[in-house]
Amino acid sequence: MRETMPVEKLKVGMHVIMPESWFNHPFLKNQFLIKSDRDIRKMAEYGIDVVLVDFSKSKINDIEILDQNLSEAPQKFEPVKLIPPEMREAIRDRTIVPEQRAPVIRTCSKEIMKKLLEDPSLETVRGAKADLYEIVDCILADDEMATYLVKITDHDLYTYTHSVNVGILSLLLAKRYLGSFSDHDLRELGVGFFLHDLGKTRIDPAILNKQGRLTEKERLEVQKHPQDGFDILKEVDQVSHESKTIILQHHERDDGSGYPNGLKGDEIHLYARICSLADVYDALTCDRPYRNKLSPFMALKLIKRELLGHVQKSLFEGFVFMLGESNRELIYGEPYKYSMSL
């Protein structure tokens, strides 16, 4: 016996048949047994209104179809909107010159990350992902605007500002280094780059905002944030495995001295290496309670001198070239042709 049923009426244990081919929905098969409420939520999130239920293959004892209005439109799960409509229109408006759109995109990104870090719930993560997709699309589509995004210096002690800086720099480096969309889902990776420090929401703010160096106990607490971020996103089940890998591995180092798992060499994913380089650079060029920020040039010098063993050489060279292309004066000083070489 088969019946068409709205998604909102489904129950765990029902055997469902998807109305579309497998590449238009998030499930591995077109027919399967619903194992949890999460499966039902996924259908709604992907805009699937009704499915076919095969009761002969279902495994629940109390299936009752009484007075169901099958034509009733199911309630869809709408993502939370984290940026105002007028700002959304501005980032979409291609008639606005890149120099003017770039600050709006950065402001929108900060607003998204601020709200997400304040409330990393399922609804907020879902909304942040949808909004970040738009941000990532804008950054990838316009090389000139990418130049202006790199030129904007925006540093403070807020985690959400750092998240935006690292998200933008990582995405631009990934675009340069990885190339085509077909081989690498830069849209999905962009979400991972922006969310790399999500786990810091589980750290005591007194530790994150401490004026001075951390104690050993506090340092170990901070080092939990990659695993915590991974766990948060695993719980809400909203991003790809590659995005979660970026979050989990962005503090790993080639020699095994990183955390949380002490990975070495090729055990560290390339996507995480990209994020790690941008993360280190932004940390060095931002003021900290215990030290002053470095200039972009001096930060790159330090990375080359002391950290290149932890950073893939070709990535570092691509990163320097990317920054130099966007703002030669920022990286090399003026005049460019007389500047010292890294």
Protein backbone atom coordinates (compact mmCIF):
# COMPACT_ATOMS: atom_id res chain seq x y z
CA MET A 1 0.00 0.00 0.00
CA ARG A 2 1.39 3.37 -1.02
CA GLU A 3 0.10 6.81 -0.12
CA THR A 4 1.25 10.34 -0.93
CA MET A 5 1.86 12.19 2.33
CA PRO A 6 2.95 15.71 3.33
CA VAL A 7 6.38 15.83 4.93
CA GLU A 8 4.94 17.34 8.11
CA LYS A 9 2.82 14.19 8.63
CA LEU A 10 5.71 11.74 8.39
CA LYS A 11 6.83 9.55 11.29
CA VAL A 12 10.02 7.74 12.16
CA GLY A 13 9.84 4.20 10.76
CA MET A 14 8.02 5.08 7.55
CA HIS A 15 9.53 3.92 4.27
CA VAL A 16 9.56 6.91 1.91
CA ILE A 17 10.15 7.37 -1.81
CA MET A 18 11.59 10.72 -2.86
CA PRO A 19 9.74 12.65 -5.61
CA GLU A 20 12.97 13.70 -7.33
CA SER A 21 16.25 12.14 -8.41
CA TRP A 22 18.91 11.61 -5.75
CA PHE A 23 21.06 14.60 -6.74
CA ASN A 24 18.20 17.00 -5.91
CA HIS A 25 17.99 15.99 -2.24
CA PRO A 26 20.49 15.36 0.60
CA PHE A 27 19.92 11.60 0.96
CA LEU A 28 22.09 8.83 -0.45
CA LYS A 29 19.13 6.83 -1.74
CA ASN A 30 15.82 7.68 -3.38
CA GLN A 31 13.98 5.17 -1.15
CA PHE A 32 14.79 4.66 2.51
CA LEU A 33 13.41 4.12 6.00
CA ILE A 34 13.10 7.27 8.14
CA LYS A 35 15.41 6.65 11.09
CA SER A 36 15.08 9.93 12.99
CA ASP A 37 13.24 13.25 13.10
CA ARG A 38 16.35 14.77 11.53
CA ASP A 39 15.54 12.97 8.26
CA ILE A 40 12.12 14.64 8.24
CA ARG A 41 13.63 18.08 8.96
CA LYS A 42 16.07 17.64 6.08
CA MET A 43 13.23 17.02 3.64
CA ALA A 44 11.48 20.21 4.72
CA GLU A 45 14.69 22.22 4.59
CA TYR A 46 15.30 21.15 0.99
CA GLY A 47 11.82 22.24 -0.02
CA ILE A 48 10.34 18.75 -0.39
CA ASP A 49 6.61 19.12 0.27
CA VAL A 50 5.25 15.61 -0.21
CA VAL A 51 6.67 12.11 -0.57
CA LEU A 52 5.32 8.68 -1.35
CA VAL A 53 5.09 6.35 1.68
CA ASP A 54 5.25 2.58 1.15
CA PHE A 55 3.45 1.14 4.20
CA SER A 56 4.29 -2.45 3.24
CA LYS A 57 7.97 -1.66 3.89
CA SER A 58 7.44 0.63 6.88
CA LYS A 59 8.43 -0.54 10.36
CA ILE A 60 6.08 1.14 12.81
CA ASN A 61 3.23 -0.50 14.64
CA ASP A 62 0.80 2.38 14.98
CA ILE A 63 0.54 3.92 11.51
CA GLU A 64 -2.83 5.56 11.32
CA ILE A 65 -4.06 7.76 8.50
CA LEU A 66 -7.20 9.32 9.87
CA ASP A 67 -8.82 12.42 8.38
CA GLN A 68 -5.55 13.63 6.88
CA ASN A 69 -5.85 16.48 4.47
CA LEU A 70 -3.16 15.42 2.04
CA SER A 71 -3.49 18.59 0.01
CA GLU A 72 -2.64 20.70 3.05
CA ALA A 73 0.54 22.65 2.44
CA PRO A 74 3.25 21.59 4.91
CA GLN A 75 5.02 24.12 7.06
CA LYS A 76 8.52 24.77 5.80
CA PHE A 77 11.54 25.49 7.93
CA GLU A 78 12.62 28.99 7.04
CA PRO A 79 16.21 29.96 7.94
CA VAL A 80 16.69 32.87 10.31
CA LYS A 81 17.69 36.03 8.45
CA LEU A 82 20.74 37.55 10.10
CA ILE A 83 21.22 40.68 7.98
CA PRO A 84 18.73 43.50 7.28
CA PRO A 85 16.89 43.47 3.91
CA GLU A 86 18.45 46.76 2.79
CA MET A 87 21.97 45.41 3.34
CA ARG A 88 21.06 42.21 1.52
CA GLU A 89 19.90 44.27 -1.45
CA ALA A 90 23.14 46.24 -1.39
CA ILE A 91 25.39 43.18 -1.57
CA ARG A 92 23.30 41.83 -4.46
CA ASP A 93 23.28 45.08 -6.43
CA ARG A 94 25.93 44.79 -9.15
CA THR A 95 25.36 48.42 -10.16
CA ILE A 96 27.13 49.54 -6.98
CA VAL A 97 30.85 49.90 -7.66
CA PRO A 98 33.10 47.34 -5.91
CA GLU A 99 34.80 49.99 -3.79
CA GLN A 100 31.42 50.79 -2.20
CA ARG A 101 30.08 47.24 -2.01
CA ALA A 102 33.16 45.86 -0.26
CA PRO A 103 32.56 47.67 3.09
CA VAL A 104 28.91 46.57 3.01
CA ILE A 105 29.92 42.94 2.46
CA ARG A 106 32.36 43.12 5.35
CA THR A 107 29.76 44.74 7.61
CA CYS A 108 27.20 42.08 6.69
CA SER A 109 29.73 39.35 7.38
CA LYS A 110 30.47 40.75 10.82
CA GLU A 111 26.77 40.97 11.62
CA ILE A 112 26.26 37.33 10.61
CA MET A 113 29.19 36.10 12.68
CA LYS A 114 28.31 38.23 15.69
CA LYS A 115 24.78 36.79 15.86
CA LEU A 116 25.99 33.27 15.21
CA LEU A 117 28.64 33.37 17.94
CA GLU A 118 26.07 34.74 20.36
CA ASP A 119 23.63 31.92 19.58
CA PRO A 120 25.05 28.87 17.72
CA SER A 121 21.66 27.13 17.61
CA LEU A 122 20.32 25.01 14.75
CA GLU A 123 18.19 27.87 13.43
CA THR A 124 21.01 30.41 13.61
CA VAL A 125 23.55 28.09 11.99
CA ARG A 126 21.08 27.39 9.20
CA GLY A 127 20.48 31.11 8.70
CA ALA A 128 24.19 31.91 8.83
CA LYS A 129 24.93 29.28 6.21
CA ALA A 130 22.32 30.69 3.82
CA ASP A 131 23.57 34.27 4.32
CA LEU A 132 27.23 33.27 4.05
CA TYR A 133 26.49 31.57 0.74
CA GLU A 134 25.49 35.00 -0.59
CA ILE A 135 28.60 36.62 0.87
CA VAL A 136 30.86 33.94 -0.60
CA ASP A 137 29.20 34.24 -4.02
CA CYS A 138 29.84 38.00 -4.04
CA ILE A 139 33.49 37.58 -3.05
CA LEU A 140 34.16 34.90 -5.66
CA ALA A 141 32.34 36.65 -8.51
CA ASP A 142 34.25 39.93 -8.52
CA ASP A 143 38.06 40.07 -8.51
CA GLU A 144 38.07 43.85 -8.20
CA MET A 145 35.92 43.79 -5.09
CA ALA A 146 38.19 41.13 -3.61
CA THR A 147 41.01 43.66 -3.92
CA TYR A 148 39.06 46.21 -1.90
CA LEU A 149 38.14 43.61 0.72
CA VAL A 150 41.81 42.88 1.36
CA LYS A 151 42.65 46.58 1.52
CA ILE A 152 40.12 47.25 4.30
CA THR A 153 41.92 46.95 7.62
CA ASP A 154 39.51 45.90 10.34
CA HIS A 155 41.07 44.64 13.57
CA ASP A 156 39.79 44.45 17.12
CA LEU A 157 39.61 41.89 19.90
CA TYR A 158 36.24 40.53 18.88
CA THR A 159 36.18 36.91 17.73
CA TYR A 160 33.60 37.70 15.06
CA THR A 161 35.88 40.30 13.42
CA HIS A 162 38.74 37.81 13.36
CA SER A 163 36.37 35.19 11.91
CA VAL A 164 35.44 37.54 9.05
CA ASN A 165 39.06 38.47 8.34
CA VAL A 166 40.12 34.82 8.22
CA GLY A 167 37.04 33.85 6.22
CA ILE A 168 37.75 36.41 3.50
CA LEU A 169 41.51 35.78 3.31
CA SER A 170 41.08 31.99 3.29
CA LEU A 171 38.43 32.12 0.59
CA LEU A 172 40.52 34.35 -1.67
CA LEU A 173 43.56 32.11 -1.18
CA ALA A 174 41.47 29.00 -1.90
CA LYS A 175 40.14 30.61 -5.07
CA ARG A 176 43.68 31.36 -6.25
CA TYR A 177 45.23 28.07 -5.18
CA LEU A 178 42.46 25.56 -5.87
CA GLY A 179 41.01 27.05 -9.01
CA SER A 180 37.79 25.78 -10.54
CA PHE A 181 34.44 25.33 -8.83
CA SER A 182 34.02 21.86 -10.34
CA ASP A 183 36.88 20.31 -8.40
CA HIS A 184 36.34 22.14 -5.11
CA ASP A 185 33.11 23.49 -3.65
CA LEU A 186 34.41 26.93 -2.73
CA ARG A 187 30.96 27.99 -1.59
CA GLU A 188 30.87 25.26 1.04
CA LEU A 189 34.51 25.79 1.98
CA GLY A 190 33.84 29.49 2.48
CA VAL A 191 31.31 28.62 5.18
CA GLY A 192 33.93 26.47 6.91
CA PHE A 193 36.50 29.28 6.78
CA PHE A 194 34.11 31.81 8.33
CA LEU A 195 33.04 29.36 11.05
CA HIS A 196 36.54 28.17 11.95
CA ASP A 197 36.41 29.60 15.50
CA LEU A 198 32.81 28.62 16.27
CA GLY A 199 34.03 26.46 19.16
CA LYS A 200 35.11 29.55 21.08
CA THR A 201 31.45 30.03 22.02
CA ARG A 202 32.06 27.30 24.62
CA ILE A 203 35.03 29.10 26.20
CA ASP A 204 34.60 31.32 29.26
CA PRO A 205 34.59 34.95 27.96
CA ALA A 206 36.87 35.87 30.88
CA ILE A 207 39.55 33.65 29.33
CA LEU A 208 39.02 34.91 25.78
CA ASN A 209 39.17 38.56 26.91
CA LYS A 210 41.91 38.16 29.49
CA GLN A 211 44.41 41.03 29.61
CA GLY A 212 47.72 39.20 29.63
CA ARG A 213 49.07 35.76 28.90
CA LEU A 214 47.02 32.70 29.70
CA THR A 215 47.85 30.20 32.41
CA GLU A 216 48.54 26.62 31.37
CA LYS A 217 45.05 25.59 32.45
CA GLU A 218 43.49 28.44 30.46
CA ARG A 219 45.61 27.62 27.42
CA LEU A 220 44.40 24.01 27.49
CA GLU A 221 40.83 25.28 27.72
CA VAL A 222 41.30 27.43 24.61
CA GLN A 223 42.81 24.50 22.75
CA LYS A 224 39.50 22.67 23.00
CA HIS A 225 37.78 25.07 20.59
CA PRO A 226 38.51 23.21 17.31
CA GLN A 227 36.94 20.02 18.70
CA ASP A 228 34.09 22.01 20.25
CA GLY A 229 33.37 23.75 16.94
CA PHE A 230 33.39 20.42 15.14
CA ASP A 231 31.00 18.96 17.73
CA ILE A 232 28.58 21.90 17.46
CA LEU A 233 28.33 21.53 13.69
CA LYS A 234 28.04 17.77 13.95
CA GLU A 235 25.09 18.23 16.32
CA VAL A 236 23.22 20.66 14.06
CA ASP A 237 24.20 18.74 10.90
CA GLN A 238 24.16 21.76 8.57
CA VAL A 239 27.57 21.85 6.87
CA SER A 240 29.70 19.48 4.81
CA HIS A 241 32.33 17.12 6.14
CA GLU A 242 35.03 19.26 4.50
CA SER A 243 33.81 22.36 6.34
CA LYS A 244 33.87 20.53 9.66
CA THR A 245 37.39 19.29 8.85
CA ILE A 246 38.58 22.89 8.41
CA ILE A 247 37.23 23.74 11.86
CA LEU A 248 38.71 20.65 13.49
CA GLN A 249 42.20 20.87 11.95
CA HIS A 250 43.00 24.60 11.57
CA HIS A 251 45.42 24.51 14.54
CA GLU A 252 47.26 21.33 13.54
CA ARG A 253 50.94 21.67 12.59
CA ASP A 254 53.19 19.60 10.30
CA ASP A 255 55.50 18.44 13.08
CA GLY A 256 52.65 17.21 15.26
CA SER A 257 52.87 20.09 17.74
CA GLY A 258 49.38 21.38 16.92
CA TYR A 259 46.03 20.55 18.46
CA PRO A 260 43.56 18.99 19.14
CA ASN A 261 44.85 15.69 17.69
CA GLY A 262 48.56 16.27 17.03
CA LEU A 263 48.26 15.45 13.33
CA LYS A 264 51.40 15.43 11.18
CA GLY A 265 52.23 16.17 7.55
CA ASP A 266 49.73 14.78 5.06
CA GLU A 267 47.30 13.93 7.85
CA ILE A 268 46.34 17.61 7.79
CA HIS A 269 43.82 18.48 5.07
CA LEU A 270 44.79 21.13 2.51
CA TYR A 271 41.62 23.10 3.28
CA ALA A 272 42.63 23.32 6.94
CA ARG A 273 46.14 24.43 5.93
CA ILE A 274 44.66 27.33 3.95
CA CYS A 275 42.62 28.42 6.95
CA SER A 276 45.58 28.01 9.29
CA LEU A 277 47.78 30.36 7.25
CA ALA A 278 45.12 33.07 7.14
CA ASP A 279 44.45 32.55 10.85
CA VAL A 280 48.10 33.02 11.83
CA TYR A 281 48.50 36.07 9.59
CA ASP A 282 45.41 37.79 10.98
CA ALA A 283 46.43 37.04 14.57
CA LEU A 284 49.88 38.58 13.98
CA THR A 285 48.46 41.74 12.37
CA CYS A 286 45.95 42.33 15.19
CA ASP A 287 46.69 43.89 18.59
CA ARG A 288 46.69 41.48 21.51
CA PRO A 289 46.63 42.31 25.23
CA TYR A 290 50.19 41.03 25.58
CA ARG A 291 51.74 42.42 22.36
CA ASN A 292 51.31 45.02 19.64
CA LYS A 293 50.26 44.07 16.15
CA LEU A 294 52.81 43.60 13.37
CA SER A 295 52.64 45.29 9.99
CA PRO A 296 51.56 42.97 7.16
CA PHE A 297 55.12 42.95 5.84
CA MET A 298 56.65 42.06 9.21
CA ALA A 299 53.99 39.42 9.84
CA LEU A 300 54.87 37.69 6.58
CA LYS A 301 58.57 37.94 7.42
CA LEU A 302 57.91 36.28 10.76
CA ILE A 303 55.86 33.50 9.19
CA LYS A 304 58.61 32.83 6.67
CA ARG A 305 61.38 32.91 9.26
CA GLU A 306 59.78 30.96 12.10
CA LEU A 307 56.68 29.18 10.86
CA LEU A 308 57.34 28.12 7.29
CA GLY A 309 58.06 24.61 8.53
CA HIS A 310 54.42 24.49 9.60
CA VAL A 311 53.04 26.11 6.44
CA GLN A 312 53.07 24.63 2.94
CA LYS A 313 55.60 26.69 0.95
CA SER A 314 53.48 26.94 -2.19
CA LEU A 315 50.52 28.13 -0.12
CA PHE A 316 52.65 30.79 1.55
CA GLU A 317 53.97 32.03 -1.78
CA GLY A 318 50.43 32.20 -3.16
CA PHE A 319 49.28 34.06 -0.06
CA VAL A 320 52.06 36.67 -0.35
CA PHE A 321 51.35 37.14 -4.04
CA MET A 322 47.61 37.48 -3.38
CA LEU A 323 48.13 40.14 -0.73
CA GLY A 324 50.67 41.96 -2.87
CA GLU A 325 48.33 42.00 -5.85
CA SER A 326 45.55 43.48 -3.76
CA ASN A 327 47.65 46.14 -2.06
CA ARG A 328 51.33 46.41 -2.84
CA GLU A 329 51.81 49.37 -0.54
CA LEU A 330 50.22 47.48 2.35
CA ILE A 331 52.59 44.54 1.96
CA TYR A 332 55.79 45.93 0.56
CA GLY A 333 55.78 49.61 1.44
CA GLU A 334 56.24 52.55 -0.91
CA PRO A 335 57.72 52.68 -3.43
CA TYR A 336 57.05 49.05 -4.36
CA LYS A 337 59.92 48.64 -6.83
CA TYR A 338 62.50 49.61 -4.19
CA SER A 339 61.11 47.50 -1.37
CA MET A 340 63.11 44.71 0.22
CA SER A 341 62.24 41.15 -0.71
CA LEU A 342 60.58 38.82 1.71
